[in-house]
């Protein structure tokens, strides 16, 4: 109850701030606070988290993804305030030395993780929207463990189609096609100059490609700086907003997870070409039958 009161106060304060300083409306302060409220509420809703977890377990079983696992829930020992799950033993996806104890192919393990996550985006009712290293483990038997489903995203069929087209556009550096896909993901009330939007996307993505691990938020021990990830996410969202495109919350969630996987790639498989490697290119398959 105290948390709910504090969150309501933040909401009112954000609204008043935008009234007093209208120029702040372009930063969507009210929307940012609303997103914080939603995220915290989701993380504290153990009944919903249990449902999210079961959705993922059903998805993994339905598609026969033997390389991924999520903990079993014990409903008889769970309540609205307690979620009792099977304990998993493993190491974070950023701990390369420990990962090598459980698998001789860290790069292959990373590819399995990306295939599984992207498949869940395309074919599961919800996708894990917080795949930082503490929530994505390499288990002792070499499988991938997905934990903590407090934050998930859900996207419409239209957005799924746009998301499936985006990797191909970026792989071929066809930024106009990428701009078109992003336009289908977002909403706008005005005509968008596709060429100008594509040019700005080219600039942003090339800047990201030129950054090193420290710039991208990976510190000495392999952990990831959340502030750095969030900063890059906001930068990309701002590019869309500059062109009058308002992205849904799920886009920011998708983008943030993609940045996490980019960090893992630079740690576990620095020579992997994510956009062109055929083991990942199969993600564009929409029939759901090609996942390992």
C-alpha atoms as a PDB file:
ATOM      1  CA  UNK A   1       0.000   0.000   0.000  1.00  0.00           C
ATOM      2  CA  UNK A   2       2.866   2.375   0.785  1.00  0.00           C
ATOM      3  CA  UNK A   3       4.417   1.605  -2.598  1.00  0.00           C
ATOM      4  CA  UNK A   4       1.121   2.281  -4.393  1.00  0.00           C
ATOM      5  CA  UNK A   5       0.795   5.621  -2.591  1.00  0.00           C
ATOM      6  CA  UNK A   6       4.338   6.617  -3.552  1.00  0.00           C
ATOM      7  CA  UNK A   7       3.729   5.699  -7.183  1.00  0.00           C
ATOM      8  CA  UNK A   8       0.506   7.722  -7.301  1.00  0.00           C
ATOM      9  CA  UNK A   9       2.407  10.688  -5.867  1.00  0.00           C
ATOM     10  CA  UNK A  10       5.043  10.350  -8.617  1.00  0.00           C
ATOM     11  CA  UNK A  11       2.310  10.287 -11.244  1.00  0.00           C
ATOM     12  CA  UNK A  12       0.714  13.475  -9.949  1.00  0.00           C
ATOM     13  CA  UNK A  13       4.122  15.152  -9.589  1.00  0.00           C
ATOM     14  CA  UNK A  14       5.013  14.282 -13.199  1.00  0.00           C
ATOM     15  CA  UNK A  15       1.721  15.725 -14.443  1.00  0.00           C
ATOM     16  CA  UNK A  16       2.241  18.948 -12.465  1.00  0.00           C
ATOM     17  CA  UNK A  17       5.805  19.217 -13.760  1.00  0.00           C
ATOM     18  CA  UNK A  18       4.597  19.097 -17.354  1.00  0.00           C
ATOM     19  CA  UNK A  19       1.976  21.774 -16.600  1.00  0.00           C
ATOM     20  CA  UNK A  20       4.540  24.102 -15.013  1.00  0.00           C
ATOM     21  CA  UNK A  21       7.195  23.438 -17.696  1.00  0.00           C
ATOM     22  CA  UNK A  22       5.397  22.532 -20.961  1.00  0.00           C
ATOM     23  CA  UNK A  23       8.723  22.105 -22.774  1.00  0.00           C
ATOM     24  CA  UNK A  24       9.233  18.918 -20.748  1.00  0.00           C
ATOM     25  CA  UNK A  25       6.288  17.272 -22.497  1.00  0.00           C
ATOM     26  CA  UNK A  26       8.553  16.299 -25.383  1.00  0.00           C
ATOM     27  CA  UNK A  27      10.410  14.093 -22.874  1.00  0.00           C
ATOM     28  CA  UNK A  28       7.139  12.292 -22.058  1.00  0.00           C
ATOM     29  CA  UNK A  29       7.724  12.581 -18.311  1.00  0.00           C
ATOM     30  CA  UNK A  30       4.185  11.392 -17.524  1.00  0.00           C
ATOM     31  CA  UNK A  31       4.614   8.396 -19.815  1.00  0.00           C
ATOM     32  CA  UNK A  32       7.982   7.531 -18.269  1.00  0.00           C
ATOM     33  CA  UNK A  33       6.479   7.560 -14.775  1.00  0.00           C
ATOM     34  CA  UNK A  34       3.520   5.503 -15.995  1.00  0.00           C
ATOM     35  CA  UNK A  35       5.945   2.947 -17.395  1.00  0.00           C
ATOM     36  CA  UNK A  36       7.780   2.809 -14.055  1.00  0.00           C
ATOM     37  CA  UNK A  37       4.455   2.243 -12.299  1.00  0.00           C
ATOM     38  CA  UNK A  38       3.516  -0.526 -14.699  1.00  0.00           C
ATOM     39  CA  UNK A  39       6.899  -2.233 -14.428  1.00  0.00           C
ATOM     40  CA  UNK A  40       6.961  -2.201 -10.619  1.00  0.00           C
ATOM     41  CA  UNK A  41       3.350  -3.403 -10.459  1.00  0.00           C
ATOM     42  CA  UNK A  42       4.164  -6.284 -12.809  1.00  0.00           C
ATOM     43  CA  UNK A  43       7.234  -7.306 -10.812  1.00  0.00           C
ATOM     44  CA  UNK A  44       5.162  -7.428  -7.622  1.00  0.00           C
ATOM     45  CA  UNK A  45       2.319  -9.451  -9.188  1.00  0.00           C
ATOM     46  CA  UNK A  46       3.360 -13.038  -8.458  1.00  0.00           C
ATOM     47  CA  UNK A  47       0.113 -14.480  -9.783  1.00  0.00           C
ATOM     48  CA  UNK A  48       0.778 -12.947 -13.194  1.00  0.00           C
ATOM     49  CA  UNK A  49       4.450 -13.932 -13.078  1.00  0.00           C
ATOM     50  CA  UNK A  50       3.407 -17.529 -12.502  1.00  0.00           C
ATOM     51  CA  UNK A  51       1.212 -17.344 -15.615  1.00  0.00           C
ATOM     52  CA  UNK A  52       4.045 -15.761 -17.624  1.00  0.00           C
ATOM     53  CA  UNK A  53       6.428 -18.508 -16.553  1.00  0.00           C
ATOM     54  CA  UNK A  54       3.966 -21.239 -17.497  1.00  0.00           C
ATOM     55  CA  UNK A  55       3.422 -19.628 -20.911  1.00  0.00           C
ATOM     56  CA  UNK A  56       7.158 -19.857 -21.584  1.00  0.00           C
ATOM     57  CA  UNK A  57       7.364 -23.451 -20.328  1.00  0.00           C
ATOM     58  CA  UNK A  58       4.450 -24.398 -22.592  1.00  0.00           C
ATOM     59  CA  UNK A  59       6.114 -22.652 -25.528  1.00  0.00           C
ATOM     60  CA  UNK A  60       9.441 -24.485 -25.000  1.00  0.00           C
ATOM     61  CA  UNK A  61       7.614 -27.815 -24.800  1.00  0.00           C
ATOM     62  CA  UNK A  62       5.398 -27.088 -27.818  1.00  0.00           C
ATOM     63  CA  UNK A  63       8.362 -26.292 -30.056  1.00  0.00           C
ATOM     64  CA  UNK A  64      10.580 -28.995 -28.637  1.00  0.00           C
ATOM     65  CA  UNK A  65      13.377 -26.636 -27.604  1.00  0.00           C
ATOM     66  CA  UNK A  66      15.507 -29.035 -25.576  1.00  0.00           C
ATOM     67  CA  UNK A  67      18.309 -26.514 -25.021  1.00  0.00           C
ATOM     68  CA  UNK A  68      16.169 -24.129 -22.928  1.00  0.00           C
ATOM     69  CA  UNK A  69      14.516 -24.523 -19.557  1.00  0.00           C
ATOM     70  CA  UNK A  70      12.472 -22.460 -17.116  1.00  0.00           C
ATOM     71  CA  UNK A  71      11.827 -23.444 -13.488  1.00  0.00           C
ATOM     72  CA  UNK A  72       8.788 -25.417 -12.458  1.00  0.00           C
ATOM     73  CA  UNK A  73       6.351 -23.571 -10.179  1.00  0.00           C
ATOM     74  CA  UNK A  74       4.856 -25.152  -7.076  1.00  0.00           C
ATOM     75  CA  UNK A  75       1.344 -23.653  -6.966  1.00  0.00           C
ATOM     76  CA  UNK A  76       0.470 -25.331  -3.668  1.00  0.00           C
ATOM     77  CA  UNK A  77       3.297 -23.334  -2.041  1.00  0.00           C
ATOM     78  CA  UNK A  78       2.641 -20.065  -3.887  1.00  0.00           C
ATOM     79  CA  UNK A  79       0.367 -17.147  -3.029  1.00  0.00           C
ATOM     80  CA  UNK A  80      -0.149 -13.569  -4.160  1.00  0.00           C
ATOM     81  CA  UNK A  81       2.877 -12.646  -2.032  1.00  0.00           C
ATOM     82  CA  UNK A  82       5.094 -15.708  -2.544  1.00  0.00           C
ATOM     83  CA  UNK A  83       6.185 -17.520  -5.709  1.00  0.00           C
ATOM     84  CA  UNK A  84       7.813 -20.881  -4.992  1.00  0.00           C
ATOM     85  CA  UNK A  85       9.838 -22.328  -7.859  1.00  0.00           C
ATOM     86  CA  UNK A  86      12.334 -25.034  -8.621  1.00  0.00           C
ATOM     87  CA  UNK A  87      15.894 -23.914  -7.928  1.00  0.00           C
ATOM     88  CA  UNK A  88      18.214 -23.816 -10.928  1.00  0.00           C
ATOM     89  CA  UNK A  89      21.994 -24.068 -10.664  1.00  0.00           C
ATOM     90  CA  UNK A  90      24.061 -22.248 -13.240  1.00  0.00           C
ATOM     91  CA  UNK A  91      26.238 -19.268 -14.120  1.00  0.00           C
ATOM     92  CA  UNK A  92      25.441 -15.910 -15.780  1.00  0.00           C
ATOM     93  CA  UNK A  93      25.824 -15.569 -19.530  1.00  0.00           C
ATOM     94  CA  UNK A  94      28.582 -13.000 -18.993  1.00  0.00           C
ATOM     95  CA  UNK A  95      30.850 -15.382 -17.028  1.00  0.00           C
ATOM     96  CA  UNK A  96      32.848 -16.894 -19.889  1.00  0.00           C
ATOM     97  CA  UNK A  97      35.314 -18.865 -17.725  1.00  0.00           C
ATOM     98  CA  UNK A  98      32.521 -20.542 -15.752  1.00  0.00           C
ATOM     99  CA  UNK A  99      30.476 -21.187 -18.897  1.00  0.00           C
ATOM    100  CA  UNK A 100      33.398 -23.151 -20.334  1.00  0.00           C
ATOM    101  CA  UNK A 101      33.061 -25.566 -17.407  1.00  0.00           C
ATOM    102  CA  UNK A 102      29.566 -26.508 -18.582  1.00  0.00           C
ATOM    103  CA  UNK A 103      29.941 -26.266 -22.361  1.00  0.00           C
ATOM    104  CA  UNK A 104      32.768 -26.481 -24.861  1.00  0.00           C
ATOM    105  CA  UNK A 105      30.922 -24.177 -27.243  1.00  0.00           C
ATOM    106  CA  UNK A 106      30.008 -20.815 -25.625  1.00  0.00           C
ATOM    107  CA  UNK A 107      29.213 -19.350 -29.045  1.00  0.00           C
ATOM    108  CA  UNK A 108      26.779 -22.166 -29.818  1.00  0.00           C
ATOM    109  CA  UNK A 109      25.155 -21.686 -26.419  1.00  0.00           C
ATOM    110  CA  UNK A 110      24.707 -17.982 -27.117  1.00  0.00           C
ATOM    111  CA  UNK A 111      23.132 -18.753 -30.493  1.00  0.00           C
ATOM    112  CA  UNK A 112      20.699 -21.140 -28.815  1.00  0.00           C
ATOM    113  CA  UNK A 113      19.793 -18.403 -26.337  1.00  0.00           C
ATOM    114  CA  UNK A 114      19.121 -15.868 -29.104  1.00  0.00           C
ATOM    115  CA  UNK A 115      17.161 -18.376 -31.192  1.00  0.00           C
ATOM    116  CA  UNK A 116      15.004 -19.317 -28.220  1.00  0.00           C
ATOM    117  CA  UNK A 117      14.319 -15.755 -27.155  1.00  0.00           C
ATOM    118  CA  UNK A 118      13.514 -14.512 -30.667  1.00  0.00           C
ATOM    119  CA  UNK A 119      11.290 -17.516 -31.276  1.00  0.00           C
ATOM    120  CA  UNK A 120       9.353 -16.602 -28.136  1.00  0.00           C
ATOM    121  CA  UNK A 121       8.894 -13.086 -29.507  1.00  0.00           C
ATOM    122  CA  UNK A 122       7.442 -14.508 -32.711  1.00  0.00           C
ATOM    123  CA  UNK A 123       5.471 -17.504 -31.488  1.00  0.00           C
ATOM    124  CA  UNK A 124       4.766 -17.232 -27.750  1.00  0.00           C
ATOM    125  CA  UNK A 125       1.969 -15.167 -26.212  1.00  0.00           C
ATOM    126  CA  UNK A 126       4.613 -13.188 -24.320  1.00  0.00           C
ATOM    127  CA  UNK A 127       8.385 -12.764 -24.360  1.00  0.00           C
ATOM    128  CA  UNK A 128      10.898 -12.387 -21.535  1.00  0.00           C
ATOM    129  CA  UNK A 129      11.575  -8.657 -21.284  1.00  0.00           C
ATOM    130  CA  UNK A 130      14.423  -8.593 -18.795  1.00  0.00           C
ATOM    131  CA  UNK A 131      17.182 -10.918 -20.061  1.00  0.00           C
ATOM    132  CA  UNK A 132      20.056  -9.373 -18.140  1.00  0.00           C
ATOM    133  CA  UNK A 133      22.809 -11.790 -17.086  1.00  0.00           C
ATOM    134  CA  UNK A 134      21.173 -12.588 -13.747  1.00  0.00           C
ATOM    135  CA  UNK A 135      18.073 -13.900 -15.506  1.00  0.00           C
ATOM    136  CA  UNK A 136      19.751 -15.909 -18.260  1.00  0.00           C
ATOM    137  CA  UNK A 137      21.930 -18.754 -17.019  1.00  0.00           C
ATOM    138  CA  UNK A 138      24.004 -21.576 -18.435  1.00  0.00           C
ATOM    139  CA  UNK A 139      22.949 -24.542 -16.302  1.00  0.00           C
ATOM    140  CA  UNK A 140      25.211 -27.324 -15.099  1.00  0.00           C
ATOM    141  CA  UNK A 141      23.892 -29.669 -17.793  1.00  0.00           C
ATOM    142  CA  UNK A 142      24.674 -27.112 -20.523  1.00  0.00           C
ATOM    143  CA  UNK A 143      21.085 -26.002 -21.082  1.00  0.00           C
ATOM    144  CA  UNK A 144      19.951 -22.388 -20.874  1.00  0.00           C
ATOM    145  CA  UNK A 145      17.942 -21.352 -17.864  1.00  0.00           C
ATOM    146  CA  UNK A 146      15.455 -18.488 -18.204  1.00  0.00           C
ATOM    147  CA  UNK A 147      14.296 -17.111 -14.847  1.00  0.00           C
ATOM    148  CA  UNK A 148      12.350 -14.139 -13.454  1.00  0.00           C
ATOM    149  CA  UNK A 149       9.316 -13.546 -15.661  1.00  0.00           C
ATOM    150  CA  UNK A 150       8.107 -10.535 -13.704  1.00  0.00           C
ATOM    151  CA  UNK A 151       8.533  -8.316 -16.766  1.00  0.00           C
ATOM    152  CA  UNK A 152       7.263  -9.605 -20.108  1.00  0.00           C
ATOM    153  CA  UNK A 153       6.168  -8.006 -23.360  1.00  0.00           C
ATOM    154  CA  UNK A 154       3.248  -8.810 -25.627  1.00  0.00           C
ATOM    155  CA  UNK A 155       3.063  -7.663 -29.236  1.00  0.00           C
ATOM    156  CA  UNK A 156       0.391  -7.615 -31.926  1.00  0.00           C
ATOM    157  CA  UNK A 157       0.578  -9.649 -35.170  1.00  0.00           C
ATOM    158  CA  UNK A 158       1.366  -6.440 -37.084  1.00  0.00           C
ATOM    159  CA  UNK A 159       4.340  -5.688 -34.842  1.00  0.00           C
ATOM    160  CA  UNK A 160       5.486  -9.325 -35.062  1.00  0.00           C
ATOM    161  CA  UNK A 161       5.630  -9.010 -38.838  1.00  0.00           C
ATOM    162  CA  UNK A 162       7.621  -5.785 -38.622  1.00  0.00           C
ATOM    163  CA  UNK A 163       9.998  -7.303 -36.062  1.00  0.00           C
ATOM    164  CA  UNK A 164      10.589 -10.353 -38.283  1.00  0.00           C
ATOM    165  CA  UNK A 165      11.523  -8.099 -41.210  1.00  0.00           C
ATOM    166  CA  UNK A 166      13.890  -5.859 -39.251  1.00  0.00           C
ATOM    167  CA  UNK A 167      16.882  -8.270 -38.926  1.00  0.00           C
ATOM    168  CA  UNK A 168      17.026  -8.803 -42.706  1.00  0.00           C
ATOM    169  CA  UNK A 169      16.933  -5.056 -43.303  1.00  0.00           C
ATOM    170  CA  UNK A 170      19.757  -4.420 -40.839  1.00  0.00           C
ATOM    171  CA  UNK A 171      21.786  -7.384 -42.147  1.00  0.00           C
ATOM    172  CA  UNK A 172      21.812  -5.876 -45.629  1.00  0.00           C
ATOM    173  CA  UNK A 173      22.138  -2.334 -44.264  1.00  0.00           C
ATOM    174  CA  UNK A 174      18.895  -1.459 -46.012  1.00  0.00           C
ATOM    175  CA  UNK A 175      18.015   1.335 -43.628  1.00  0.00           C
ATOM    176  CA  UNK A 176      15.014   2.417 -45.655  1.00  0.00           C
ATOM    177  CA  UNK A 177      13.488  -1.036 -45.171  1.00  0.00           C
ATOM    178  CA  UNK A 178      14.454  -0.824 -41.480  1.00  0.00           C
ATOM    179  CA  UNK A 179      12.754   2.569 -41.260  1.00  0.00           C
ATOM    180  CA  UNK A 180       9.651   1.100 -42.877  1.00  0.00           C
ATOM    181  CA  UNK A 181       9.594  -1.752 -40.365  1.00  0.00           C
ATOM    182  CA  UNK A 182       9.998   0.630 -37.441  1.00  0.00           C
ATOM    183  CA  UNK A 183       7.259   2.822 -38.838  1.00  0.00           C
ATOM    184  CA  UNK A 184       4.951  -0.218 -38.775  1.00  0.00           C
ATOM    185  CA  UNK A 185       5.907  -0.836 -35.151  1.00  0.00           C
ATOM    186  CA  UNK A 186       5.178   2.721 -34.021  1.00  0.00           C
ATOM    187  CA  UNK A 187       2.284   5.118 -34.389  1.00  0.00           C
ATOM    188  CA  UNK A 188       2.299   8.542 -35.994  1.00  0.00           C
ATOM    189  CA  UNK A 189      -0.238  11.247 -36.735  1.00  0.00           C
ATOM    190  CA  UNK A 190       1.759  12.840 -39.550  1.00  0.00           C
ATOM    191  CA  UNK A 191       3.558  11.920 -42.743  1.00  0.00           C
ATOM    192  CA  UNK A 192       7.081  10.635 -42.150  1.00  0.00           C
ATOM    193  CA  UNK A 193      10.001  11.427 -44.433  1.00  0.00           C
ATOM    194  CA  UNK A 194      11.214   7.851 -44.865  1.00  0.00           C
ATOM    195  CA  UNK A 195      14.535   8.834 -46.432  1.00  0.00           C
ATOM    196  CA  UNK A 196      15.399  11.225 -43.607  1.00  0.00           C
ATOM    197  CA  UNK A 197      14.362   8.657 -41.001  1.00  0.00           C
ATOM    198  CA  UNK A 198      16.509   6.009 -42.732  1.00  0.00           C
ATOM    199  CA  UNK A 199      19.509   8.367 -42.787  1.00  0.00           C
ATOM    200  CA  UNK A 200      19.212   8.996 -39.043  1.00  0.00           C
ATOM    201  CA  UNK A 201      18.902   5.257 -38.377  1.00  0.00           C
ATOM    202  CA  UNK A 202      22.056   4.641 -40.403  1.00  0.00           C
ATOM    203  CA  UNK A 203      23.938   7.158 -38.265  1.00  0.00           C
ATOM    204  CA  UNK A 204      22.709   5.683 -34.973  1.00  0.00           C
ATOM    205  CA  UNK A 205      23.385   2.031 -35.852  1.00  0.00           C
ATOM    206  CA  UNK A 206      26.839   2.782 -37.218  1.00  0.00           C
ATOM    207  CA  UNK A 207      27.685   4.659 -34.043  1.00  0.00           C
ATOM    208  CA  UNK A 208      26.591   1.665 -31.966  1.00  0.00           C
ATOM    209  CA  UNK A 209      28.672  -0.703 -34.108  1.00  0.00           C
ATOM    210  CA  UNK A 210      31.757   1.430 -33.523  1.00  0.00           C
ATOM    211  CA  UNK A 211      31.476   1.343 -29.728  1.00  0.00           C
ATOM    212  CA  UNK A 212      33.594  -0.965 -27.564  1.00  0.00           C
ATOM    213  CA  UNK A 213      32.535  -3.002 -24.526  1.00  0.00           C
ATOM    214  CA  UNK A 214      33.167  -0.232 -22.000  1.00  0.00           C
ATOM    215  CA  UNK A 215      31.072   2.198 -24.044  1.00  0.00           C
ATOM    216  CA  UNK A 216      28.302  -0.385 -24.167  1.00  0.00           C
ATOM    217  CA  UNK A 217      28.168  -0.836 -20.425  1.00  0.00           C
ATOM    218  CA  UNK A 218      30.250  -3.973 -19.883  1.00  0.00           C
ATOM    219  CA  UNK A 219      32.577  -3.482 -16.936  1.00  0.00           C
ATOM    220  CA  UNK A 220      35.662  -5.433 -15.949  1.00  0.00           C
ATOM    221  CA  UNK A 221      33.934  -8.396 -14.299  1.00  0.00           C
ATOM    222  CA  UNK A 222      31.561  -8.931 -17.219  1.00  0.00           C
ATOM    223  CA  UNK A 223      28.512  -7.402 -15.555  1.00  0.00           C
ATOM    224  CA  UNK A 224      26.428  -4.967 -17.554  1.00  0.00           C
ATOM    225  CA  UNK A 225      25.741  -1.368 -16.650  1.00  0.00           C
ATOM    226  CA  UNK A 226      21.971  -0.888 -16.814  1.00  0.00           C
ATOM    227  CA  UNK A 227      22.340   2.886 -17.204  1.00  0.00           C
ATOM    228  CA  UNK A 228      24.392   2.438 -20.388  1.00  0.00           C
ATOM    229  CA  UNK A 229      21.811   0.058 -21.869  1.00  0.00           C
ATOM    230  CA  UNK A 230      18.964   2.423 -20.994  1.00  0.00           C
ATOM    231  CA  UNK A 231      20.828   5.381 -22.497  1.00  0.00           C
ATOM    232  CA  UNK A 232      21.224   3.639 -25.870  1.00  0.00           C
ATOM    233  CA  UNK A 233      17.574   2.569 -25.786  1.00  0.00           C
ATOM    234  CA  UNK A 234      16.415   6.130 -25.163  1.00  0.00           C
ATOM    235  CA  UNK A 235      18.649   7.453 -27.944  1.00  0.00           C
ATOM    236  CA  UNK A 236      17.034   5.142 -30.506  1.00  0.00           C
ATOM    237  CA  UNK A 237      13.542   5.931 -29.280  1.00  0.00           C
ATOM    238  CA  UNK A 238      14.314   9.649 -29.567  1.00  0.00           C
ATOM    239  CA  UNK A 239      15.274   9.218 -33.225  1.00  0.00           C
ATOM    240  CA  UNK A 240      11.789   7.875 -33.890  1.00  0.00           C
ATOM    241  CA  UNK A 241      10.144  10.637 -31.890  1.00  0.00           C
ATOM    242  CA  UNK A 242      12.122  13.250 -33.853  1.00  0.00           C
ATOM    243  CA  UNK A 243      10.311  11.999 -36.954  1.00  0.00           C
ATOM    244  CA  UNK A 244       6.926  11.974 -35.241  1.00  0.00           C
ATOM    245  CA  UNK A 245       6.868   8.239 -34.494  1.00  0.00           C
ATOM    246  CA  UNK A 246       5.713   7.160 -31.068  1.00  0.00           C
ATOM    247  CA  UNK A 247       6.836   3.662 -30.242  1.00  0.00           C
ATOM    248  CA  UNK A 248       4.849   1.424 -27.897  1.00  0.00           C
ATOM    249  CA  UNK A 249       6.373   0.286 -24.615  1.00  0.00           C
ATOM    250  CA  UNK A 250       7.002  -3.142 -26.136  1.00  0.00           C
ATOM    251  CA  UNK A 251       9.411  -1.648 -28.682  1.00  0.00           C
ATOM    252  CA  UNK A 252      11.625  -0.286 -25.929  1.00  0.00           C
ATOM    253  CA  UNK A 253      11.495  -3.676 -24.216  1.00  0.00           C
ATOM    254  CA  UNK A 254      12.471  -5.463 -27.441  1.00  0.00           C
ATOM    255  CA  UNK A 255      15.261  -3.012 -28.114  1.00  0.00           C
ATOM    256  CA  UNK A 256      16.678  -3.339 -24.624  1.00  0.00           C
ATOM    257  CA  UNK A 257      16.820  -7.145 -24.892  1.00  0.00           C
ATOM    258  CA  UNK A 258      18.524  -6.870 -28.285  1.00  0.00           C
ATOM    259  CA  UNK A 259      21.181  -4.666 -26.676  1.00  0.00           C
ATOM    260  CA  UNK A 260      21.693  -7.231 -23.918  1.00  0.00           C
ATOM    261  CA  UNK A 261      22.285  -9.926 -26.528  1.00  0.00           C
ATOM    262  CA  UNK A 262      24.666  -7.628 -28.376  1.00  0.00           C
ATOM    263  CA  UNK A 263      26.705  -7.346 -25.172  1.00  0.00           C
ATOM    264  CA  UNK A 264      26.713 -11.124 -24.704  1.00  0.00           C
ATOM    265  CA  UNK A 265      27.889 -11.554 -28.286  1.00  0.00           C
ATOM    266  CA  UNK A 266      30.858  -9.250 -27.711  1.00  0.00           C
ATOM    267  CA  UNK A 267      31.818 -11.261 -24.622  1.00  0.00           C
ATOM    268  CA  UNK A 268      31.145 -14.857 -25.737  1.00  0.00           C
ATOM    269  CA  UNK A 269      31.475 -14.684 -29.527  1.00  0.00           C
ATOM    270  CA  UNK A 270      33.226 -11.478 -30.619  1.00  0.00           C
ATOM    271  CA  UNK A 271      33.688 -12.710 -34.210  1.00  0.00           C
ATOM    272  CA  UNK A 272      30.046 -13.756 -34.659  1.00  0.00           C
ATOM    273  CA  UNK A 273      28.194 -11.823 -37.376  1.00  0.00           C
ATOM    274  CA  UNK A 274      24.745 -11.724 -35.816  1.00  0.00           C
ATOM    275  CA  UNK A 275      23.100 -10.251 -38.889  1.00  0.00           C
ATOM    276  CA  UNK A 276      24.490 -12.748 -41.404  1.00  0.00           C
ATOM    277  CA  UNK A 277      25.231 -16.005 -39.588  1.00  0.00           C
ATOM    278  CA  UNK A 278      22.934 -18.707 -41.021  1.00  0.00           C
ATOM    279  CA  UNK A 279      22.448 -20.241 -37.580  1.00  0.00           C
ATOM    280  CA  UNK A 280      20.666 -17.051 -36.619  1.00  0.00           C
ATOM    281  CA  UNK A 281      19.185 -16.208 -39.997  1.00  0.00           C
ATOM    282  CA  UNK A 282      16.701 -19.019 -39.481  1.00  0.00           C
ATOM    283  CA  UNK A 283      14.962 -16.687 -37.052  1.00  0.00           C
ATOM    284  CA  UNK A 284      13.142 -15.210 -40.013  1.00  0.00           C
ATOM    285  CA  UNK A 285      11.321 -18.527 -40.490  1.00  0.00           C
ATOM    286  CA  UNK A 286       7.717 -18.016 -39.455  1.00  0.00           C
ATOM    287  CA  UNK A 287       6.416 -21.576 -39.424  1.00  0.00           C
ATOM    288  CA  UNK A 288       8.013 -22.272 -36.047  1.00  0.00           C
ATOM    289  CA  UNK A 289       9.454 -25.621 -37.099  1.00  0.00           C
ATOM    290  CA  UNK A 290      13.147 -24.835 -37.434  1.00  0.00           C
ATOM    291  CA  UNK A 291      14.248 -24.252 -33.878  1.00  0.00           C
ATOM    292  CA  UNK A 292      16.757 -26.502 -32.138  1.00  0.00           C
END
